[in-house]
Amino acid sequence: MLKEVANTVRGLSADIVEKANSGHPGMPIGCADIGAL
């Protein structure tokens, strides 16, 4: 279940950065596993 949460966070983070047309998704994608705990 934690893996699913982390993958969802990764997807949402990438979408948010793309929609904002600003920033880089590296940090939220890289730290998604930590945030899922």
PDB file of N, CA and C in Angstrom:
ATOM      1  N   MET A   1       0.818  -1.194   0.000  1.00  0.00           N
ATOM      2  CA  MET A   1       0.000   0.000   0.000  1.00  0.00           C
ATOM      3  C   MET A   1       0.868   1.267   0.000  1.00  0.00           C
ATOM      4  N   LEU A   2       1.963   1.269   0.745  1.00  0.00           N
ATOM      5  CA  LEU A   2       2.829   2.453   0.769  1.00  0.00           C
ATOM      6  C   LEU A   2       3.414   2.744  -0.609  1.00  0.00           C
ATOM      7  N   LYS A   3       3.693   1.685  -1.358  1.00  0.00           N
ATOM      8  CA  LYS A   3       4.234   1.861  -2.705  1.00  0.00           C
ATOM      9  C   LYS A   3       3.210   2.550  -3.606  1.00  0.00           C
ATOM     10  N   GLU A   4       1.941   2.178  -3.457  1.00  0.00           N
ATOM     11  CA  GLU A   4       0.882   2.821  -4.240  1.00  0.00           C
ATOM     12  C   GLU A   4       0.754   4.300  -3.884  1.00  0.00           C
ATOM     13  N   VAL A   5       0.841   4.605  -2.597  1.00  0.00           N
ATOM     14  CA  VAL A   5       0.770   6.001  -2.150  1.00  0.00           C
ATOM     15  C   VAL A   5       1.934   6.792  -2.741  1.00  0.00           C
ATOM     16  N   ALA A   6       3.136   6.239  -2.666  1.00  0.00           N
ATOM     17  CA  ALA A   6       4.317   6.920  -3.198  1.00  0.00           C
ATOM     18  C   ALA A   6       4.183   7.143  -4.706  1.00  0.00           C
ATOM     19  N   ASN A   7       3.690   6.151  -5.418  1.00  0.00           N
ATOM     20  CA  ASN A   7       3.520   6.295  -6.865  1.00  0.00           C
ATOM     21  C   ASN A   7       2.476   7.358  -7.203  1.00  0.00           C
ATOM     22  N   THR A   8       1.428   7.439  -6.404  1.00  0.00           N
ATOM     23  CA  THR A   8       0.408   8.466  -6.610  1.00  0.00           C
ATOM     24  C   THR A   8       0.991   9.853  -6.380  1.00  0.00           C
ATOM     25  N   VAL A   9       1.783   9.992  -5.322  1.00  0.00           N
ATOM     26  CA  VAL A   9       2.438  11.276  -5.042  1.00  0.00           C
ATOM     27  C   VAL A   9       3.358  11.660  -6.191  1.00  0.00           C
ATOM     28  N   ARG A  10       4.081  10.710  -6.729  1.00  0.00           N
ATOM     29  CA  ARG A  10       4.972  10.990  -7.862  1.00  0.00           C
ATOM     30  C   ARG A  10       4.180  11.514  -9.056  1.00  0.00           C
ATOM     31  N   GLY A  11       3.104  10.828  -9.377  1.00  0.00           N
ATOM     32  CA  GLY A  11       2.287  11.245 -10.519  1.00  0.00           C
ATOM     33  C   GLY A  11       1.681  12.618 -10.330  1.00  0.00           C
ATOM     34  N   LEU A  12       1.123  12.859  -9.152  1.00  0.00           N
ATOM     35  CA  LEU A  12       0.517  14.162  -8.876  1.00  0.00           C
ATOM     36  C   LEU A  12       1.564  15.273  -8.885  1.00  0.00           C
ATOM     37  N   SER A  13       2.733  14.991  -8.338  1.00  0.00           N
ATOM     38  CA  SER A  13       3.799  15.995  -8.307  1.00  0.00           C
ATOM     39  C   SER A  13       4.221  16.388  -9.714  1.00  0.00           C
ATOM     40  N   ALA A  14       4.399  15.404 -10.566  1.00  0.00           N
ATOM     41  CA  ALA A  14       4.794  15.689 -11.947  1.00  0.00           C
ATOM     42  C   ALA A  14       3.711  16.499 -12.655  1.00  0.00           C
ATOM     43  N   ASP A  15       2.450  16.139 -12.435  1.00  0.00           N
ATOM     44  CA  ASP A  15       1.340  16.869 -13.058  1.00  0.00           C
ATOM     45  C   ASP A  15       1.271  18.310 -12.574  1.00  0.00           C
ATOM     46  N   ILE A  16       1.462  18.514 -11.279  1.00  0.00           N
ATOM     47  CA  ILE A  16       1.383  19.862 -10.709  1.00  0.00           C
ATOM     48  C   ILE A  16       2.493  20.751 -11.257  1.00  0.00           C
ATOM     49  N   VAL A  17       3.706  20.228 -11.311  1.00  0.00           N
ATOM     50  CA  VAL A  17       4.831  21.018 -11.830  1.00  0.00           C
ATOM     51  C   VAL A  17       4.599  21.345 -13.301  1.00  0.00           C
ATOM     52  N   GLU A  18       4.106  20.368 -14.058  1.00  0.00           N
ATOM     53  CA  GLU A  18       3.850  20.603 -15.482  1.00  0.00           C
ATOM     54  C   GLU A  18       2.743  21.644 -15.677  1.00  0.00           C
ATOM     55  N   LYS A  19       1.677  21.542 -14.898  1.00  0.00           N
ATOM     56  CA  LYS A  19       0.565  22.489 -15.028  1.00  0.00           C
ATOM     57  C   LYS A  19       0.994  23.904 -14.636  1.00  0.00           C
ATOM     58  N   ALA A  20       1.836  24.012 -13.612  1.00  0.00           N
ATOM     59  CA  ALA A  20       2.316  25.326 -13.180  1.00  0.00           C
ATOM     60  C   ALA A  20       3.297  25.922 -14.183  1.00  0.00           C
ATOM     61  N   ASN A  21       3.842  25.054 -15.045  1.00  0.00           N
ATOM     62  CA  ASN A  21       4.822  25.484 -16.047  1.00  0.00           C
ATOM     63  C   ASN A  21       6.021  26.149 -15.387  1.00  0.00           C
ATOM     64  N   SER A  22       6.374  25.648 -14.207  1.00  0.00           N
ATOM     65  CA  SER A  22       7.478  26.211 -13.449  1.00  0.00           C
ATOM     66  C   SER A  22       8.000  25.170 -12.476  1.00  0.00           C
ATOM     67  N   GLY A  23       9.290  25.180 -12.240  1.00  0.00           N
ATOM     68  CA  GLY A  23       9.869  24.281 -11.250  1.00  0.00           C
ATOM     69  C   GLY A  23      10.368  22.978 -11.847  1.00  0.00           C
ATOM     70  N   HIS A  24      10.797  22.104 -10.967  1.00  0.00           N
ATOM     71  CA  HIS A  24      11.360  20.811 -11.354  1.00  0.00           C
ATOM     72  C   HIS A  24      10.798  19.745 -10.421  1.00  0.00           C
ATOM     73  N   PRO A  25      10.297  18.630 -10.956  1.00  0.00           N
ATOM     74  CA  PRO A  25       9.657  17.611 -10.119  1.00  0.00           C
ATOM     75  C   PRO A  25      10.623  16.675  -9.403  1.00  0.00           C
ATOM     76  N   GLY A  26      11.915  16.908  -9.504  1.00  0.00           N
ATOM     77  CA  GLY A  26      12.899  15.978  -8.944  1.00  0.00           C
ATOM     78  C   GLY A  26      12.767  15.728  -7.455  1.00  0.00           C
ATOM     79  N   MET A  27      12.596  16.772  -6.682  1.00  0.00           N
ATOM     80  CA  MET A  27      12.515  16.618  -5.224  1.00  0.00           C
ATOM     81  C   MET A  27      11.278  15.828  -4.794  1.00  0.00           C
ATOM     82  N   PRO A  28      10.070  16.198  -5.205  1.00  0.00           N
ATOM     83  CA  PRO A  28       8.911  15.419  -4.763  1.00  0.00           C
ATOM     84  C   PRO A  28       8.907  13.992  -5.292  1.00  0.00           C
ATOM     85  N   ILE A  29       9.414  13.793  -6.502  1.00  0.00           N
ATOM     86  CA  ILE A  29       9.468  12.432  -7.039  1.00  0.00           C
ATOM     87  C   ILE A  29      10.485  11.611  -6.255  1.00  0.00           C
ATOM     88  N   GLY A  30      11.634  12.211  -5.954  1.00  0.00           N
ATOM     89  CA  GLY A  30      12.673  11.503  -5.224  1.00  0.00           C
ATOM     90  C   GLY A  30      12.324  11.212  -3.775  1.00  0.00           C
ATOM     91  N   CYS A  31      11.521  12.065  -3.171  1.00  0.00           N
ATOM     92  CA  CYS A  31      11.180  11.917  -1.749  1.00  0.00           C
ATOM     93  C   CYS A  31       9.799  11.319  -1.517  1.00  0.00           C
ATOM     94  N   ALA A  32       9.155  10.829  -2.543  1.00  0.00           N
ATOM     95  CA  ALA A  32       7.799  10.294  -2.402  1.00  0.00           C
ATOM     96  C   ALA A  32       7.751   9.116  -1.431  1.00  0.00           C
ATOM     97  N   ASP A  33       8.779   8.276  -1.439  1.00  0.00           N
ATOM     98  CA  ASP A  33       8.803   7.133  -0.514  1.00  0.00           C
ATOM     99  C   ASP A  33       8.884   7.600   0.936  1.00  0.00           C
ATOM    100  N   ILE A  34       9.637   8.645   1.191  1.00  0.00           N
ATOM    101  CA  ILE A  34       9.753   9.182   2.550  1.00  0.00           C
ATOM    102  C   ILE A  34       8.415   9.772   2.990  1.00  0.00           C
ATOM    103  N   GLY A  35       7.766  10.503   2.100  1.00  0.00           N
ATOM    104  CA  GLY A  35       6.489  11.120   2.418  1.00  0.00           C
ATOM    105  C   GLY A  35       5.372  10.123   2.640  1.00  0.00           C
ATOM    106  N   ALA A  36       5.489   8.949   2.049  1.00  0.00           N
ATOM    107  CA  ALA A  36       4.446   7.930   2.182  1.00  0.00           C
ATOM    108  C   ALA A  36       4.479   7.252   3.547  1.00  0.00           C
ATOM    109  N   LEU A  37       5.578   7.411   4.259  1.00  0.00           N
ATOM    110  CA  LEU A  37       5.664   6.784   5.576  1.00  0.00           C
ATOM    111  C   LEU A  37       4.816   7.551   6.536  1.00  0.00           C
TER     112      LEU A  37
END
